[in-house]
Amino acid sequence: SMPDDPAQPSGRLIFTGLRAIFAGGARAMTLPWHAVADVIRQERDVILVRHNREVFHRFRCNVFADALCAGLLAETLAKEMRSGARRRQSRK
């Protein structure tokens, strides 16, 4: 679920190689990995912090193990996107 949303929609959190997608509630949310500056895991929550550090998206998992897996996967995907962007810039 997205506990910071007033309606607290439940849904499905999907990670692809390009973005995080939350499909649930009245609106879907997408966040490209290149916009993620930090991934924080607190208990059952996975928090994706945008580069401006003023906006973040918090997702609450049903169980602790899901939060561990989602946090690790999000960290890996965001890190890969950042390192890929640096490699492309160094080639220019």
C-alpha atoms as a PDB file:
ATOM      1  CA  SER A   1       0.000   0.000   0.000  1.00  0.00           C
ATOM      2  CA  MET A   2       0.962   3.676  -0.161  1.00  0.00           C
ATOM      3  CA  PRO A   3       0.482   4.733   3.485  1.00  0.00           C
ATOM      4  CA  ASP A   4       1.245   8.436   2.880  1.00  0.00           C
ATOM      5  CA  ASP A   5      -1.669   8.752   0.480  1.00  0.00           C
ATOM      6  CA  PRO A   6      -4.857   9.880   2.265  1.00  0.00           C
ATOM      7  CA  ALA A   7      -6.849   7.065   0.686  1.00  0.00           C
ATOM      8  CA  GLN A   8      -4.086   4.515   1.419  1.00  0.00           C
ATOM      9  CA  PRO A   9      -4.632   2.546  -1.777  1.00  0.00           C
ATOM     10  CA  SER A  10      -3.535  -1.028  -1.910  1.00  0.00           C
ATOM     11  CA  GLY A  11      -2.197  -2.500  -5.107  1.00  0.00           C
ATOM     12  CA  ARG A  12       0.827  -4.056  -6.710  1.00  0.00           C
ATOM     13  CA  LEU A  13       4.373  -2.689  -6.710  1.00  0.00           C
ATOM     14  CA  ILE A  14       6.170  -3.640  -9.912  1.00  0.00           C
ATOM     15  CA  PHE A  15       9.855  -3.078 -10.651  1.00  0.00           C
ATOM     16  CA  THR A  16      11.112  -3.126 -14.235  1.00  0.00           C
ATOM     17  CA  GLY A  17      14.565  -2.349 -15.550  1.00  0.00           C
ATOM     18  CA  LEU A  18      13.450   1.226 -16.231  1.00  0.00           C
ATOM     19  CA  ARG A  19      11.028   2.199 -13.460  1.00  0.00           C
ATOM     20  CA  ALA A  20       9.044   1.429 -10.339  1.00  0.00           C
ATOM     21  CA  ILE A  21       5.296   1.220 -10.905  1.00  0.00           C
ATOM     22  CA  PHE A  22       2.555   1.183  -8.301  1.00  0.00           C
ATOM     23  CA  ALA A  23      -0.722  -0.041  -9.767  1.00  0.00           C
ATOM     24  CA  GLY A  24      -3.563   0.354  -7.337  1.00  0.00           C
ATOM     25  CA  GLY A  25      -6.153   2.705  -5.977  1.00  0.00           C
ATOM     26  CA  ALA A  26      -7.511   5.501  -8.108  1.00  0.00           C
ATOM     27  CA  ARG A  27      -4.195   6.404  -9.709  1.00  0.00           C
ATOM     28  CA  ALA A  28      -1.087   4.612 -10.858  1.00  0.00           C
ATOM     29  CA  MET A  29       2.352   5.965  -9.990  1.00  0.00           C
ATOM     30  CA  THR A  30       5.526   5.507 -12.013  1.00  0.00           C
ATOM     31  CA  LEU A  31       9.012   6.555 -11.012  1.00  0.00           C
ATOM     32  CA  PRO A  32      11.977   6.083 -13.367  1.00  0.00           C
ATOM     33  CA  TRP A  33      15.102   4.693 -11.692  1.00  0.00           C
ATOM     34  CA  HIS A  34      17.220   7.603 -12.919  1.00  0.00           C
ATOM     35  CA  ALA A  35      15.073   9.888 -10.719  1.00  0.00           C
ATOM     36  CA  VAL A  36      15.740   7.823  -7.557  1.00  0.00           C
ATOM     37  CA  ALA A  37      18.538   9.228  -5.399  1.00  0.00           C
ATOM     38  CA  ASP A  38      18.156   6.867  -2.468  1.00  0.00           C
ATOM     39  CA  VAL A  39      16.310   3.731  -1.382  1.00  0.00           C
ATOM     40  CA  ILE A  40      15.505   3.377   2.305  1.00  0.00           C
ATOM     41  CA  ARG A  41      13.983   0.348   3.971  1.00  0.00           C
ATOM     42  CA  GLN A  42      12.334   0.697   7.370  1.00  0.00           C
ATOM     43  CA  GLU A  43      10.633  -2.386   8.742  1.00  0.00           C
ATOM     44  CA  ARG A  44       7.880  -3.182   6.170  1.00  0.00           C
ATOM     45  CA  ASP A  45       8.312   0.103   4.250  1.00  0.00           C
ATOM     46  CA  VAL A  46      10.380   0.753   1.138  1.00  0.00           C
ATOM     47  CA  ILE A  47      10.990   4.447   0.506  1.00  0.00           C
ATOM     48  CA  LEU A  48      12.142   5.766  -2.866  1.00  0.00           C
ATOM     49  CA  VAL A  49      13.645   9.261  -2.529  1.00  0.00           C
ATOM     50  CA  ARG A  50      13.782  11.505  -5.581  1.00  0.00           C
ATOM     51  CA  HIS A  51      16.917  13.502  -6.438  1.00  0.00           C
ATOM     52  CA  ASN A  52      15.448  16.782  -5.176  1.00  0.00           C
ATOM     53  CA  ARG A  53      15.215  15.130  -1.709  1.00  0.00           C
ATOM     54  CA  GLU A  54      11.878  16.894  -1.174  1.00  0.00           C
ATOM     55  CA  VAL A  55       9.687  14.195  -2.691  1.00  0.00           C
ATOM     56  CA  PHE A  56       9.615  10.562  -1.705  1.00  0.00           C
ATOM     57  CA  HIS A  57       7.278   7.621  -2.231  1.00  0.00           C
ATOM     58  CA  ARG A  58       6.702   5.168   0.599  1.00  0.00           C
ATOM     59  CA  PHE A  59       5.334   1.710  -0.026  1.00  0.00           C
ATOM     60  CA  ARG A  60       4.239  -0.594   2.797  1.00  0.00           C
ATOM     61  CA  CYS A  61       4.657  -4.305   2.131  1.00  0.00           C
ATOM     62  CA  ASN A  62       2.468  -6.967   3.698  1.00  0.00           C
ATOM     63  CA  VAL A  63       5.391  -8.823   5.252  1.00  0.00           C
ATOM     64  CA  PHE A  64       8.931  -8.000   6.301  1.00  0.00           C
ATOM     65  CA  ALA A  65      10.448 -10.454   3.780  1.00  0.00           C
ATOM     66  CA  ASP A  66       8.715  -8.669   0.874  1.00  0.00           C
ATOM     67  CA  ALA A  67      10.154  -5.343   2.071  1.00  0.00           C
ATOM     68  CA  LEU A  68      13.646  -6.858   2.253  1.00  0.00           C
ATOM     69  CA  CYS A  69      13.392  -8.222  -1.291  1.00  0.00           C
ATOM     70  CA  ALA A  70      11.836  -5.050  -2.698  1.00  0.00           C
ATOM     71  CA  GLY A  71      14.429  -2.842  -0.989  1.00  0.00           C
ATOM     72  CA  LEU A  72      17.345  -4.858  -2.332  1.00  0.00           C
ATOM     73  CA  LEU A  73      15.874  -4.999  -5.817  1.00  0.00           C
ATOM     74  CA  ALA A  74      15.142  -1.239  -5.837  1.00  0.00           C
ATOM     75  CA  GLU A  75      18.676  -0.435  -4.624  1.00  0.00           C
ATOM     76  CA  THR A  76      20.186  -2.642  -7.320  1.00  0.00           C
ATOM     77  CA  LEU A  77      18.058  -1.225 -10.144  1.00  0.00           C
ATOM     78  CA  ALA A  78      18.594   2.415  -9.111  1.00  0.00           C
ATOM     79  CA  LYS A  79      22.336   1.838  -8.726  1.00  0.00           C
ATOM     80  CA  GLU A  80      22.561   0.157 -12.137  1.00  0.00           C
ATOM     81  CA  MET A  81      20.734   3.063 -13.763  1.00  0.00           C
ATOM     82  CA  ARG A  82      23.086   5.598 -12.117  1.00  0.00           C
ATOM     83  CA  SER A  83      26.247   3.687 -13.064  1.00  0.00           C
ATOM     84  CA  GLY A  84      24.976   3.217 -16.626  1.00  0.00           C
ATOM     85  CA  ALA A  85      24.355   6.960 -16.912  1.00  0.00           C
ATOM     86  CA  ARG A  86      27.888   7.684 -15.645  1.00  0.00           C
ATOM     87  CA  ARG A  87      29.394   5.265 -18.181  1.00  0.00           C
ATOM     88  CA  ARG A  88      27.479   6.958 -20.999  1.00  0.00           C
ATOM     89  CA  GLN A  89      28.668  10.401 -19.854  1.00  0.00           C
ATOM     90  CA  SER A  90      32.305   9.291 -19.626  1.00  0.00           C
ATOM     91  CA  ARG A  91      32.204   8.096 -23.255  1.00  0.00           C
ATOM     92  CA  LYS A  92      31.220  11.546 -24.506  1.00  0.00           C
END
